[in-house]
Amino acid sequence: MTTDTADIPGPPGRRAGWFSKIVLLSTAISVSFGLGEIFTRLLLKTKIPLFPRYHTGAEYGEFKLRRLRPSTEFFHESVDGRWKFTTNAQGFRDTHDYARDKPKGVLRVLVLGDSHTQGFEVRQDRTYAEIIERSLAQHGMKAEVLNTGVSGFSNAEELAFFENEGLKYAPDVVVVGFFANDFEDNVKAGLFAIEGGALVVKKTTHQPGVRVLDVINSFFLLRWLSENSYFYSLGLNTAWSTAKSMLLSESEQAIATEYAIPTEEVGDYKRNLAAALFERLHAVCREHQILLIVLDIPSMDYGDRDKAFISSIPPDFADVLIKNTDALLMSNDVLGRYRGLTDLHLPYGHNHISEFSHLMFGLRVTDEIVRPKTSPNKGAPRTESGGPTSGQTESPIEDPSKGQDEGRSPPHEAH
């Protein structure tokens, strides 16, 4: 049985009136959005980057975390440039997939970190992960460097990912890009806490914004707006930043309440939590004979552009990392000589480290991996030029072609 439009209740005039109102409302919204886009581009284009978030959920053992959407291509844009991102089936920023079984004779490097490591504002083949792989090839080493960086990731998420997923790829080297906001992000994640002086798991799920992003990224129009509309990005970024601030405030309050920590001591708790996370990461790496290298990813010095950057690692925390890494590459040692000579960060956008900084970090990591069979003893920092300051021992990296069962010597550090 068919129903003619004439059978629909209500006089034709009323139906026509509703249709006119819908058209008028749609037109008003479109015009308002268009005007908003025009004014946003005119007034705020240099301050608003088009950096869409392509996160989705992932399960790693007992943990439910974030990762980049697998097998996806998307673009970021700001006044500094436009960058293409390609992810593989594992959700890593890479153009090819990796089997968990490591090919014979291959040195595998697993890179952990946040948006700096993922390579925001950097071409895909210019990230320090890519530089490491190509530089190792120049040294005659067949290597696979897995860039597992995820924007917003903390050391807590990196540890959970590494223990439950990263180890399955049998890495010989782990590189961690440490940034200043990791102290806060570890607390915000809430995955681990310190109880009775020990690091414990507090919860197993941290997927901020994933449900919303899954909905947004399922619609072509919203994906297109996230990559092309400054007005849309202004609204979404404002909401995202507000949610992040609220989450951090709630996490800090929970720490102060649950553990009876005075508010002014929360800063010490952040440092102690980060230290405990690296102690555990280092212990796991030593157990599996994996070289652990930590990079001090600097932030831009907004108060003094001539100074160029500020280290993300305070001196007292550097002492902690020296004891819990095999090589600590401090930003001043890697980039200090280039202050005032070139851009070490992008001037607009989100001020991530530049392609030049990625290049320098990638080359220094390569130096640590391919170092000759002489290196400083544990506890002896390297000089700024990279030379040893004390006695010699074997390098912790063996030639992969010799097999995976040969032992490695005690680690060293550089800072």
Foldseek 3Di string as FASTA:
>chain_A
DDDDPVNPDDDPVVVVVVVVVVVVVVVVVVVVQVVLQVVCCVPPQLAFKLDDAQWAWDDFPLAIEIAGDAQDWDWIDGPLGIEIFGHHRVRFRDDYDDDLDDDFQEAEEEEEEACLLSPVPAYSCLFLQNLLCVVVVVVVGHYHYTRRYYHLDALQVVLSCCVRPVCSSVHQAYEYEDAQCNLLSVLLQQQWAADPNAIDGDDRYDYPPNVVSVVQVVDPVSSVCSRPGRSVSVVVVVVVVVVSVVSSVVSLVCCCVVVVDPSVCSSVRSLSNVLNSLQVVLVVCVVSLHAYEYEFFWAADPVDCQQGTDTSADPVSVVSVLQRHQEYHTCCLQCVVCRPPDHQFRPGDPGRGYSVVSNSVSVVVSCLQPPAQWDEDRPFEADSVRHTDDGTGGRSHDRSNVDSPDGGDDGYYYD
